[in-house]
Amino acid sequence: MVLEVFYVPCPDAGAAGNLVAHLLAKKLIACGNVVTAKSLYTWEGAMVSENEYVAVMKSIPALAVIIESEVKAVHPYSVPAVIHWQANCNKEYFEWLVEQLKEQNAN
C-alpha cells in the first residue's frame, strides 16, 4: 500500500500545528506530527542555525499536488520547503488513512 509523506519545516510549533490542523480540516491529510529540529542552512549569503518544527503529514498520492499548493498558500515562509515522497505502509494503516480522507476522495 502506497501513501504520500510530506515533510514541511516551519518557524515555530504554532505554525506547524496550524498547518497540520488546516490540512486535516480540509481532509487533505489523515494525520500529522510536529517534530522539533535544529536546522542549518544558508540564507541571503549567511549561515543560519535555528530551531524549526517539522510537520510530517500522511496522505494519498492523488492529493499531493493539492496539498503542495495549499501548503504554499498558508505557510509563513516566503520560500517554504514542501518535500514529499511515496512510501509503503501496512494494509491496515492504509485502509484507516483512506477512510479519514473519504470526503475529499468523493469530490
N, C-alpha and C. Protein backbone atom coordinates (compact mmCIF):
# COMPACT_ATOMS: atom_id res chain seq x y z
N MET A 1 0.85 -1.16 0.00
CA MET A 1 0.00 0.00 0.00
C MET A 1 0.91 1.24 0.00
N VAL A 2 0.62 2.16 -0.90
CA VAL A 2 1.48 3.33 -1.07
C VAL A 2 0.76 4.60 -0.59
N LEU A 3 1.43 5.34 0.28
CA LEU A 3 0.91 6.63 0.74
C LEU A 3 1.90 7.72 0.40
N GLU A 4 1.52 8.96 0.61
CA GLU A 4 2.36 10.12 0.36
C GLU A 4 2.73 10.73 1.71
N VAL A 5 4.03 10.95 1.93
CA VAL A 5 4.53 11.55 3.16
C VAL A 5 5.03 12.95 2.84
N PHE A 6 4.61 13.92 3.62
CA PHE A 6 5.05 15.31 3.46
C PHE A 6 5.94 15.69 4.63
N TYR A 7 7.01 16.43 4.33
CA TYR A 7 7.97 16.93 5.31
C TYR A 7 8.07 18.43 5.07
N VAL A 8 7.52 19.23 6.01
CA VAL A 8 7.45 20.67 5.81
C VAL A 8 7.97 21.40 7.06
N PRO A 9 9.20 21.94 7.01
CA PRO A 9 9.72 22.72 8.13
C PRO A 9 8.94 24.03 8.32
N CYS A 10 8.76 24.41 9.59
CA CYS A 10 8.04 25.64 9.95
C CYS A 10 8.84 26.40 11.01
N PRO A 11 8.60 27.71 11.15
CA PRO A 11 9.40 28.51 12.07
C PRO A 11 9.13 28.25 13.56
N ASP A 12 7.95 27.75 13.88
CA ASP A 12 7.63 27.51 15.29
C ASP A 12 6.55 26.43 15.39
N ALA A 13 6.35 25.96 16.61
CA ALA A 13 5.40 24.88 16.84
C ALA A 13 3.98 25.29 16.45
N GLY A 14 3.65 26.56 16.70
CA GLY A 14 2.31 27.04 16.36
C GLY A 14 2.04 26.99 14.87
N ALA A 15 3.00 27.42 14.07
CA ALA A 15 2.84 27.40 12.61
C ALA A 15 2.72 25.97 12.11
N ALA A 16 3.53 25.07 12.64
CA ALA A 16 3.47 23.67 12.22
C ALA A 16 2.13 23.05 12.62
N GLY A 17 1.70 23.30 13.85
CA GLY A 17 0.41 22.78 14.31
C GLY A 17 -0.75 23.35 13.52
N ASN A 18 -0.68 24.64 13.21
CA ASN A 18 -1.75 25.26 12.40
C ASN A 18 -1.80 24.67 11.00
N LEU A 19 -0.63 24.40 10.42
CA LEU A 19 -0.59 23.80 9.09
C LEU A 19 -1.23 22.42 9.10
N VAL A 20 -0.85 21.60 10.07
CA VAL A 20 -1.44 20.26 10.19
C VAL A 20 -2.95 20.37 10.39
N ALA A 21 -3.39 21.23 11.30
CA ALA A 21 -4.83 21.39 11.57
C ALA A 21 -5.59 21.87 10.33
N HIS A 22 -4.99 22.79 9.59
CA HIS A 22 -5.61 23.33 8.36
C HIS A 22 -5.84 22.21 7.34
N LEU A 23 -4.80 21.39 7.12
CA LEU A 23 -4.92 20.32 6.13
C LEU A 23 -5.83 19.19 6.61
N LEU A 24 -5.85 18.95 7.93
CA LEU A 24 -6.80 17.97 8.48
C LEU A 24 -8.23 18.42 8.28
N ALA A 25 -8.49 19.69 8.55
CA ALA A 25 -9.85 20.23 8.41
C ALA A 25 -10.35 20.14 6.97
N LYS A 26 -9.43 20.27 6.03
CA LYS A 26 -9.79 20.17 4.61
C LYS A 26 -9.80 18.72 4.11
N LYS A 27 -9.52 17.78 5.01
CA LYS A 27 -9.48 16.35 4.68
C LYS A 27 -8.46 16.06 3.57
N LEU A 28 -7.33 16.80 3.60
CA LEU A 28 -6.26 16.56 2.63
C LEU A 28 -5.20 15.62 3.19
N ILE A 29 -5.10 15.55 4.51
CA ILE A 29 -4.19 14.61 5.17
C ILE A 29 -4.99 13.83 6.20
N ALA A 30 -4.49 12.64 6.53
CA ALA A 30 -5.15 11.82 7.55
C ALA A 30 -4.59 12.10 8.93
N CYS A 31 -3.31 12.47 9.00
CA CYS A 31 -2.69 12.77 10.28
C CYS A 31 -1.38 13.51 10.07
N GLY A 32 -0.89 14.10 11.14
CA GLY A 32 0.37 14.81 11.06
C GLY A 32 1.07 14.82 12.41
N ASN A 33 2.38 14.94 12.36
CA ASN A 33 3.21 15.03 13.56
C ASN A 33 3.99 16.33 13.50
N VAL A 34 4.21 16.94 14.65
CA VAL A 34 5.07 18.12 14.74
C VAL A 34 6.32 17.69 15.49
N VAL A 35 7.46 17.79 14.81
CA VAL A 35 8.73 17.30 15.33
C VAL A 35 9.70 18.46 15.44
N THR A 36 10.41 18.57 16.56
CA THR A 36 11.40 19.63 16.71
C THR A 36 12.66 19.26 15.94
N ALA A 37 13.32 20.30 15.39
CA ALA A 37 14.53 20.08 14.60
C ALA A 37 15.48 21.26 14.76
N LYS A 38 16.76 20.99 14.67
CA LYS A 38 17.79 22.02 14.61
C LYS A 38 18.17 22.12 13.14
N SER A 39 17.94 23.27 12.53
CA SER A 39 18.19 23.45 11.10
C SER A 39 19.38 24.35 10.86
N LEU A 40 20.20 23.96 9.90
CA LEU A 40 21.35 24.75 9.45
C LEU A 40 21.21 24.93 7.95
N TYR A 41 21.32 26.17 7.50
CA TYR A 41 21.19 26.45 6.07
C TYR A 41 21.77 27.81 5.77
N THR A 42 21.93 28.09 4.48
CA THR A 42 22.41 29.40 4.05
C THR A 42 21.22 30.20 3.55
N TRP A 43 21.09 31.42 4.05
CA TRP A 43 20.00 32.31 3.62
C TRP A 43 20.58 33.69 3.41
N GLU A 44 20.38 34.23 2.23
CA GLU A 44 20.87 35.56 1.87
C GLU A 44 22.36 35.71 2.17
N GLY A 45 23.13 34.66 1.83
CA GLY A 45 24.58 34.70 1.96
C GLY A 45 25.15 34.39 3.33
N ALA A 46 24.33 34.13 4.31
CA ALA A 46 24.82 33.88 5.67
C ALA A 46 24.39 32.50 6.14
N MET A 47 25.25 31.87 6.93
CA MET A 47 24.91 30.58 7.55
C MET A 47 23.94 30.84 8.70
N VAL A 48 22.86 30.10 8.72
CA VAL A 48 21.83 30.25 9.74
C VAL A 48 21.71 28.93 10.50
N SER A 49 21.59 29.01 11.80
CA SER A 49 21.34 27.85 12.66
C SER A 49 20.19 28.24 13.58
N GLU A 50 19.07 27.51 13.46
CA GLU A 50 17.92 27.85 14.29
C GLU A 50 17.04 26.64 14.53
N ASN A 51 16.18 26.77 15.50
CA ASN A 51 15.20 25.73 15.77
C ASN A 51 14.05 25.87 14.79
N GLU A 52 13.59 24.76 14.29
CA GLU A 52 12.40 24.73 13.45
C GLU A 52 11.52 23.59 13.96
N TYR A 53 10.33 23.54 13.44
CA TYR A 53 9.38 22.49 13.77
C TYR A 53 8.89 21.92 12.46
N VAL A 54 9.03 20.62 12.30
CA VAL A 54 8.70 19.97 11.04
C VAL A 54 7.32 19.32 11.14
N ALA A 55 6.47 19.65 10.19
CA ALA A 55 5.18 18.98 10.05
C ALA A 55 5.40 17.78 9.14
N VAL A 56 5.21 16.59 9.69
CA VAL A 56 5.29 15.35 8.92
C VAL A 56 3.86 14.85 8.77
N MET A 57 3.40 14.78 7.53
CA MET A 57 1.99 14.50 7.29
C MET A 57 1.81 13.36 6.30
N LYS A 58 0.72 12.60 6.48
CA LYS A 58 0.46 11.46 5.62
C LYS A 58 -0.86 11.62 4.88
N SER A 59 -0.82 11.24 3.59
CA SER A 59 -2.00 11.34 2.74
C SER A 59 -1.89 10.27 1.64
N ILE A 60 -2.62 10.49 0.56
CA ILE A 60 -2.55 9.60 -0.59
C ILE A 60 -1.90 10.34 -1.76
N PRO A 61 -1.22 9.63 -2.64
CA PRO A 61 -0.54 10.28 -3.76
C PRO A 61 -1.45 11.16 -4.63
N ALA A 62 -2.70 10.79 -4.78
CA ALA A 62 -3.62 11.56 -5.63
C ALA A 62 -3.84 12.99 -5.14
N LEU A 63 -3.58 13.25 -3.85
CA LEU A 63 -3.80 14.59 -3.29
C LEU A 63 -2.52 15.42 -3.20
N ALA A 64 -1.40 14.89 -3.66
CA ALA A 64 -0.11 15.56 -3.47
C ALA A 64 -0.06 16.97 -4.07
N VAL A 65 -0.54 17.15 -5.26
CA VAL A 65 -0.49 18.47 -5.92
C VAL A 65 -1.34 19.48 -5.17
N ILE A 66 -2.52 19.07 -4.74
CA ILE A 66 -3.41 19.96 -3.99
C ILE A 66 -2.78 20.33 -2.65
N ILE A 67 -2.19 19.35 -1.96
CA ILE A 67 -1.56 19.62 -0.67
C ILE A 67 -0.40 20.59 -0.83
N GLU A 68 0.44 20.37 -1.83
CA GLU A 68 1.58 21.27 -2.05
C GLU A 68 1.10 22.70 -2.28
N SER A 69 0.08 22.88 -3.08
CA SER A 69 -0.48 24.20 -3.34
C SER A 69 -1.04 24.83 -2.07
N GLU A 70 -1.74 24.05 -1.28
CA GLU A 70 -2.35 24.55 -0.05
C GLU A 70 -1.27 24.95 0.97
N VAL A 71 -0.22 24.14 1.08
CA VAL A 71 0.88 24.47 2.00
C VAL A 71 1.51 25.80 1.60
N LYS A 72 1.79 25.97 0.31
CA LYS A 72 2.40 27.22 -0.17
C LYS A 72 1.50 28.43 0.13
N ALA A 73 0.20 28.24 0.07
CA ALA A 73 -0.74 29.34 0.29
C ALA A 73 -0.80 29.79 1.75
N VAL A 74 -0.58 28.88 2.69
CA VAL A 74 -0.75 29.23 4.10
C VAL A 74 0.56 29.28 4.90
N HIS A 75 1.64 28.83 4.33
CA HIS A 75 2.92 28.74 5.05
C HIS A 75 3.50 30.13 5.29
N PRO A 76 4.08 30.39 6.48
CA PRO A 76 4.63 31.72 6.77
C PRO A 76 5.95 32.05 6.06
N TYR A 77 6.70 31.05 5.60
CA TYR A 77 7.96 31.33 4.91
C TYR A 77 7.70 31.80 3.48
N SER A 78 8.54 32.71 2.98
CA SER A 78 8.41 33.14 1.59
C SER A 78 8.83 32.03 0.63
N VAL A 79 9.72 31.15 1.07
CA VAL A 79 10.14 30.01 0.27
C VAL A 79 10.05 28.75 1.14
N PRO A 80 8.85 28.20 1.29
CA PRO A 80 8.72 27.00 2.13
C PRO A 80 9.28 25.77 1.43
N ALA A 81 9.84 24.86 2.21
CA ALA A 81 10.26 23.56 1.68
C ALA A 81 9.06 22.63 1.79
N VAL A 82 8.53 22.22 0.66
CA VAL A 82 7.42 21.27 0.63
C VAL A 82 7.97 19.99 0.00
N ILE A 83 8.47 19.13 0.86
CA ILE A 83 9.16 17.92 0.41
C ILE A 83 8.21 16.74 0.62
N HIS A 84 8.07 15.92 -0.40
CA HIS A 84 7.20 14.76 -0.24
C HIS A 84 7.67 13.60 -1.10
N TRP A 85 7.28 12.42 -0.66
CA TRP A 85 7.66 11.20 -1.36
C TRP A 85 6.63 10.12 -1.06
N GLN A 86 6.65 9.10 -1.89
CA GLN A 86 5.77 7.96 -1.67
C GLN A 86 6.48 6.92 -0.82
N ALA A 87 5.72 6.27 0.04
CA ALA A 87 6.27 5.24 0.93
C ALA A 87 5.27 4.10 1.06
N ASN A 88 5.77 2.94 1.32
CA ASN A 88 4.92 1.79 1.55
C ASN A 88 4.48 1.75 3.01
N CYS A 89 3.30 1.23 3.25
CA CYS A 89 2.82 1.07 4.62
C CYS A 89 1.98 -0.20 4.70
N ASN A 90 1.66 -0.60 5.91
CA ASN A 90 0.84 -1.79 6.10
C ASN A 90 -0.60 -1.53 5.66
N LYS A 91 -1.27 -2.60 5.29
CA LYS A 91 -2.63 -2.55 4.74
C LYS A 91 -3.61 -1.89 5.71
N GLU A 92 -3.53 -2.25 6.98
CA GLU A 92 -4.48 -1.73 7.97
C GLU A 92 -4.35 -0.21 8.12
N TYR A 93 -3.11 0.27 8.16
CA TYR A 93 -2.89 1.72 8.27
C TYR A 93 -3.41 2.42 7.02
N PHE A 94 -3.13 1.86 5.86
CA PHE A 94 -3.58 2.47 4.61
C PHE A 94 -5.11 2.55 4.56
N GLU A 95 -5.77 1.49 4.98
CA GLU A 95 -7.23 1.49 4.99
C GLU A 95 -7.77 2.57 5.93
N TRP A 96 -7.14 2.73 7.10
CA TRP A 96 -7.53 3.79 8.02
C TRP A 96 -7.32 5.15 7.37
N LEU A 97 -6.16 5.36 6.74
CA LEU A 97 -5.83 6.63 6.10
C LEU A 97 -6.87 6.99 5.04
N VAL A 98 -7.20 6.04 4.18
CA VAL A 98 -8.18 6.28 3.12
C VAL A 98 -9.54 6.63 3.72
N GLU A 99 -9.92 5.96 4.78
CA GLU A 99 -11.19 6.25 5.45
C GLU A 99 -11.23 7.69 5.96
N GLN A 100 -10.12 8.18 6.50
CA GLN A 100 -10.05 9.55 7.00
C GLN A 100 -10.20 10.58 5.90
N LEU A 101 -9.82 10.22 4.70
CA LEU A 101 -9.86 11.15 3.55
C LEU A 101 -11.08 10.93 2.67
N LYS A 102 -12.01 10.16 3.15
CA LYS A 102 -13.16 9.74 2.35
C LYS A 102 -13.90 10.90 1.70
N GLU A 103 -14.20 11.96 2.45
CA GLU A 103 -14.93 13.10 1.87
C GLU A 103 -14.17 13.73 0.72
N GLN A 104 -12.85 13.91 0.88
CA GLN A 104 -12.04 14.51 -0.18
C GLN A 104 -12.00 13.61 -1.41
N ASN A 105 -11.90 12.31 -1.20
CA ASN A 105 -11.84 11.38 -2.33
C ASN A 105 -13.12 11.35 -3.13
N ALA A 106 -14.25 11.68 -2.49
CA ALA A 106 -15.53 11.67 -3.17
C ALA A 106 -15.69 12.86 -4.11
N ASN A 107 -14.88 13.92 -3.89
CA ASN A 107 -15.00 15.15 -4.71
C ASN A 107 -14.29 15.01 -6.03
